[in-house]
Amino acid sequence: MHINLYISNVKPKNKYAYTLIIKGTYPVGHESKPFEIDYTGVDVLVKKGDYLKDQENIIKEKLANLIGKGPFENIEEIKETLLGERIGFEYKSKY
């Protein structure tokens, strides 16, 4: 199964530039499901998005290629890069 994440919102988690909150949607069948992840540059924590659980390493690799591993000091440049971006990958079952 192929998953496409469509990013619609990016913001720093707090005043420090070490964690980004990234939100958007991904299609599942005929529905659009919301997702929310925290990205630190070295870790991805899936807060919302059932199909994204166990896919953290793939998402982390894709984000690192797009915006690096932080700290994320130039948030406007990061938003310009990520907003509207589609991150696609093949779903890998852990079983």
N, C-alpha and C. Protein backbone atom coordinates (compact mmCIF):
# COMPACT_ATOMS: atom_id res chain seq x y z
N MET A 1 0.85 -1.18 0.00
CA MET A 1 0.00 0.00 0.00
C MET A 1 0.90 1.24 0.00
N HIS A 2 0.57 2.18 -0.83
CA HIS A 2 1.31 3.44 -0.91
C HIS A 2 0.59 4.51 -0.08
N ILE A 3 1.36 5.26 0.69
CA ILE A 3 0.78 6.33 1.53
C ILE A 3 1.36 7.66 1.09
N ASN A 4 0.50 8.65 0.92
CA ASN A 4 0.90 10.02 0.61
C ASN A 4 0.46 10.93 1.74
N LEU A 5 1.43 11.60 2.36
CA LEU A 5 1.12 12.58 3.40
C LEU A 5 1.09 13.95 2.75
N TYR A 6 -0.01 14.67 2.92
CA TYR A 6 -0.14 16.03 2.41
C TYR A 6 -0.03 16.99 3.59
N ILE A 7 1.03 17.79 3.62
CA ILE A 7 1.31 18.66 4.75
C ILE A 7 0.58 19.99 4.59
N SER A 8 -0.16 20.38 5.63
CA SER A 8 -0.93 21.63 5.58
C SER A 8 -0.57 22.61 6.68
N ASN A 9 0.17 22.15 7.71
CA ASN A 9 0.51 23.04 8.81
C ASN A 9 1.83 22.62 9.43
N VAL A 10 2.70 23.60 9.66
CA VAL A 10 3.99 23.36 10.31
C VAL A 10 4.22 24.48 11.31
N LYS A 11 4.57 24.10 12.54
CA LYS A 11 4.88 25.13 13.53
C LYS A 11 5.85 24.56 14.56
N PRO A 12 6.64 25.43 15.17
CA PRO A 12 7.51 24.94 16.24
C PRO A 12 6.69 24.56 17.46
N LYS A 13 7.14 23.55 18.19
CA LYS A 13 6.40 23.09 19.36
C LYS A 13 6.44 24.13 20.48
N ASN A 14 7.55 24.84 20.61
CA ASN A 14 7.66 25.90 21.60
C ASN A 14 8.64 26.95 21.07
N LYS A 15 9.10 27.84 21.89
CA LYS A 15 9.94 28.93 21.41
C LYS A 15 11.32 28.46 20.97
N TYR A 16 11.71 27.26 21.37
CA TYR A 16 12.99 26.71 20.95
C TYR A 16 12.82 25.99 19.61
N ALA A 17 13.87 25.92 18.84
CA ALA A 17 13.78 25.43 17.46
C ALA A 17 14.13 23.95 17.34
N TYR A 18 13.76 23.15 18.33
CA TYR A 18 14.19 21.75 18.31
C TYR A 18 13.11 20.75 17.90
N THR A 19 11.85 21.11 17.97
CA THR A 19 10.77 20.19 17.59
C THR A 19 9.74 20.92 16.74
N LEU A 20 9.36 20.29 15.64
CA LEU A 20 8.29 20.81 14.78
C LEU A 20 7.05 19.96 14.93
N ILE A 21 5.90 20.61 14.93
CA ILE A 21 4.62 19.92 14.86
C ILE A 21 4.17 20.03 13.41
N ILE A 22 3.98 18.88 12.77
CA ILE A 22 3.60 18.84 11.36
C ILE A 22 2.24 18.15 11.27
N LYS A 23 1.30 18.84 10.61
CA LYS A 23 -0.07 18.31 10.46
C LYS A 23 -0.46 18.27 9.00
N GLY A 24 -1.43 17.43 8.72
CA GLY A 24 -1.96 17.34 7.37
C GLY A 24 -2.93 16.19 7.27
N THR A 25 -3.06 15.67 6.05
CA THR A 25 -3.99 14.57 5.80
C THR A 25 -3.31 13.53 4.91
N TYR A 26 -3.89 12.33 4.91
CA TYR A 26 -3.48 11.27 3.99
C TYR A 26 -4.73 10.49 3.60
N PRO A 27 -4.82 10.10 2.32
CA PRO A 27 -6.00 9.37 1.86
C PRO A 27 -5.94 7.89 2.25
N VAL A 28 -7.08 7.38 2.67
CA VAL A 28 -7.27 5.95 2.93
C VAL A 28 -8.58 5.58 2.28
N GLY A 29 -8.50 4.84 1.19
CA GLY A 29 -9.71 4.53 0.43
C GLY A 29 -10.32 5.82 -0.11
N HIS A 30 -11.58 6.05 0.21
CA HIS A 30 -12.27 7.26 -0.25
C HIS A 30 -12.31 8.34 0.82
N GLU A 31 -11.57 8.14 1.90
CA GLU A 31 -11.55 9.11 2.99
C GLU A 31 -10.20 9.81 3.09
N SER A 32 -10.22 10.96 3.72
CA SER A 32 -9.01 11.70 4.02
C SER A 32 -8.84 11.72 5.53
N LYS A 33 -7.78 11.11 6.02
CA LYS A 33 -7.54 11.01 7.47
C LYS A 33 -6.54 12.06 7.91
N PRO A 34 -6.74 12.67 9.08
CA PRO A 34 -5.77 13.64 9.59
C PRO A 34 -4.56 12.95 10.22
N PHE A 35 -3.42 13.64 10.17
CA PHE A 35 -2.25 13.15 10.89
C PHE A 35 -1.59 14.32 11.61
N GLU A 36 -0.85 13.98 12.65
CA GLU A 36 -0.04 14.95 13.38
C GLU A 36 1.20 14.23 13.86
N ILE A 37 2.35 14.80 13.57
CA ILE A 37 3.60 14.22 14.04
C ILE A 37 4.47 15.31 14.66
N ASP A 38 5.29 14.89 15.61
CA ASP A 38 6.34 15.74 16.15
C ASP A 38 7.64 15.28 15.52
N TYR A 39 8.42 16.21 14.97
CA TYR A 39 9.69 15.88 14.33
C TYR A 39 10.80 16.65 15.01
N THR A 40 11.77 15.92 15.57
CA THR A 40 12.89 16.56 16.26
C THR A 40 14.15 16.58 15.41
N GLY A 41 14.12 15.93 14.27
CA GLY A 41 15.32 15.79 13.45
C GLY A 41 15.95 14.43 13.64
N VAL A 42 15.83 13.88 14.83
CA VAL A 42 16.35 12.53 15.08
C VAL A 42 15.24 11.54 15.41
N ASP A 43 14.06 12.04 15.72
CA ASP A 43 12.92 11.18 16.02
C ASP A 43 11.63 11.75 15.42
N VAL A 44 10.72 10.84 15.13
CA VAL A 44 9.36 11.19 14.72
C VAL A 44 8.42 10.52 15.70
N LEU A 45 7.52 11.29 16.26
CA LEU A 45 6.49 10.76 17.15
C LEU A 45 5.14 10.99 16.49
N VAL A 46 4.44 9.91 16.17
CA VAL A 46 3.11 10.01 15.56
C VAL A 46 2.10 10.26 16.67
N LYS A 47 1.47 11.44 16.63
CA LYS A 47 0.46 11.80 17.61
C LYS A 47 -0.94 11.41 17.13
N LYS A 48 -1.14 11.48 15.81
CA LYS A 48 -2.43 11.15 15.22
C LYS A 48 -2.16 10.57 13.83
N GLY A 49 -2.82 9.47 13.50
CA GLY A 49 -2.65 8.83 12.20
C GLY A 49 -2.33 7.36 12.34
N ASP A 50 -3.38 6.54 12.44
CA ASP A 50 -3.21 5.12 12.72
C ASP A 50 -2.31 4.40 11.73
N TYR A 51 -2.42 4.73 10.46
CA TYR A 51 -1.61 4.04 9.45
C TYR A 51 -0.15 4.46 9.49
N LEU A 52 0.18 5.49 10.24
CA LEU A 52 1.55 5.98 10.30
C LEU A 52 2.35 5.36 11.44
N LYS A 53 1.66 4.69 12.35
CA LYS A 53 2.36 3.99 13.43
C LYS A 53 3.27 2.95 12.80
N ASP A 54 4.45 2.79 13.32
CA ASP A 54 5.47 1.87 12.83
C ASP A 54 6.09 2.30 11.49
N GLN A 55 5.79 3.51 11.04
CA GLN A 55 6.38 4.04 9.81
C GLN A 55 7.31 5.22 10.11
N GLU A 56 7.63 5.41 11.38
CA GLU A 56 8.37 6.58 11.82
C GLU A 56 9.73 6.71 11.14
N ASN A 57 10.44 5.60 10.95
CA ASN A 57 11.77 5.68 10.32
C ASN A 57 11.71 6.17 8.89
N ILE A 58 10.70 5.72 8.16
CA ILE A 58 10.54 6.16 6.77
C ILE A 58 10.22 7.65 6.74
N ILE A 59 9.28 8.09 7.58
CA ILE A 59 8.90 9.50 7.63
C ILE A 59 10.09 10.36 8.05
N LYS A 60 10.83 9.91 9.04
CA LYS A 60 12.01 10.64 9.52
C LYS A 60 13.03 10.83 8.39
N GLU A 61 13.27 9.78 7.63
CA GLU A 61 14.23 9.85 6.50
C GLU A 61 13.76 10.85 5.45
N LYS A 62 12.47 10.83 5.12
CA LYS A 62 11.91 11.76 4.11
C LYS A 62 12.02 13.21 4.59
N LEU A 63 11.67 13.46 5.86
CA LEU A 63 11.75 14.82 6.40
C LEU A 63 13.19 15.30 6.48
N ALA A 64 14.11 14.42 6.88
CA ALA A 64 15.52 14.80 6.96
C ALA A 64 16.05 15.21 5.59
N ASN A 65 15.62 14.52 4.54
CA ASN A 65 16.04 14.88 3.18
C ASN A 65 15.49 16.24 2.76
N LEU A 66 14.30 16.58 3.23
CA LEU A 66 13.67 17.85 2.85
C LEU A 66 14.17 19.05 3.66
N ILE A 67 14.27 18.88 4.98
CA ILE A 67 14.58 20.05 5.83
C ILE A 67 15.75 19.85 6.79
N GLY A 68 16.39 18.71 6.73
CA GLY A 68 17.53 18.48 7.61
C GLY A 68 17.11 17.97 8.98
N LYS A 69 18.07 17.97 9.89
CA LYS A 69 17.85 17.38 11.20
C LYS A 69 17.81 18.41 12.33
N GLY A 70 17.72 19.69 12.01
CA GLY A 70 17.58 20.71 13.04
C GLY A 70 18.90 21.16 13.61
N PRO A 71 18.91 22.15 14.46
CA PRO A 71 17.72 22.86 14.94
C PRO A 71 17.04 23.63 13.81
N PHE A 72 15.77 23.88 13.98
CA PHE A 72 14.92 24.47 12.94
C PHE A 72 14.72 25.96 13.20
N GLU A 73 15.76 26.73 12.95
CA GLU A 73 15.74 28.15 13.30
C GLU A 73 14.98 29.01 12.30
N ASN A 74 15.03 28.68 11.02
CA ASN A 74 14.35 29.49 10.02
C ASN A 74 13.00 28.86 9.68
N ILE A 75 12.02 29.06 10.55
CA ILE A 75 10.72 28.41 10.40
C ILE A 75 10.01 28.82 9.11
N GLU A 76 10.20 30.06 8.66
CA GLU A 76 9.54 30.49 7.43
C GLU A 76 10.07 29.72 6.22
N GLU A 77 11.35 29.48 6.18
CA GLU A 77 11.94 28.70 5.09
C GLU A 77 11.46 27.24 5.14
N ILE A 78 11.35 26.71 6.34
CA ILE A 78 10.85 25.34 6.50
C ILE A 78 9.40 25.25 6.05
N LYS A 79 8.59 26.22 6.44
CA LYS A 79 7.19 26.24 6.00
C LYS A 79 7.10 26.30 4.48
N GLU A 80 7.93 27.14 3.88
CA GLU A 80 7.93 27.27 2.42
C GLU A 80 8.27 25.94 1.76
N THR A 81 9.17 25.19 2.37
CA THR A 81 9.55 23.89 1.83
C THR A 81 8.47 22.84 2.03
N LEU A 82 7.86 22.82 3.21
CA LEU A 82 6.95 21.72 3.55
C LEU A 82 5.48 21.94 3.21
N LEU A 83 4.98 23.16 3.32
CA LEU A 83 3.55 23.38 3.10
C LEU A 83 3.17 23.02 1.67
N GLY A 84 2.17 22.17 1.55
CA GLY A 84 1.74 21.70 0.25
C GLY A 84 2.55 20.53 -0.27
N GLU A 85 3.57 20.14 0.46
CA GLU A 85 4.43 19.03 0.04
C GLU A 85 3.70 17.70 0.21
N ARG A 86 3.99 16.79 -0.69
CA ARG A 86 3.47 15.42 -0.60
C ARG A 86 4.65 14.52 -0.29
N ILE A 87 4.56 13.79 0.81
CA ILE A 87 5.58 12.83 1.16
C ILE A 87 5.00 11.44 0.92
N GLY A 88 5.52 10.75 -0.06
CA GLY A 88 4.98 9.44 -0.42
C GLY A 88 5.95 8.34 -0.04
N PHE A 89 5.40 7.21 0.39
CA PHE A 89 6.22 6.04 0.71
C PHE A 89 5.36 4.79 0.69
N GLU A 90 6.02 3.65 0.56
CA GLU A 90 5.36 2.36 0.61
C GLU A 90 5.19 1.96 2.07
N TYR A 91 3.98 1.62 2.44
CA TYR A 91 3.69 1.16 3.81
C TYR A 91 4.41 -0.16 4.03
N LYS A 92 5.14 -0.23 5.13
CA LYS A 92 5.86 -1.47 5.48
C LYS A 92 5.28 -2.04 6.75
N SER A 93 4.66 -3.19 6.63
CA SER A 93 4.07 -3.85 7.78
C SER A 93 5.18 -4.38 8.68
N LYS A 94 4.97 -4.29 9.98
CA LYS A 94 5.96 -4.84 10.91
C LYS A 94 5.80 -6.35 11.06
N TYR A 95 4.77 -6.92 10.44
CA TYR A 95 4.54 -8.37 10.54
C TYR A 95 5.07 -9.08 9.35
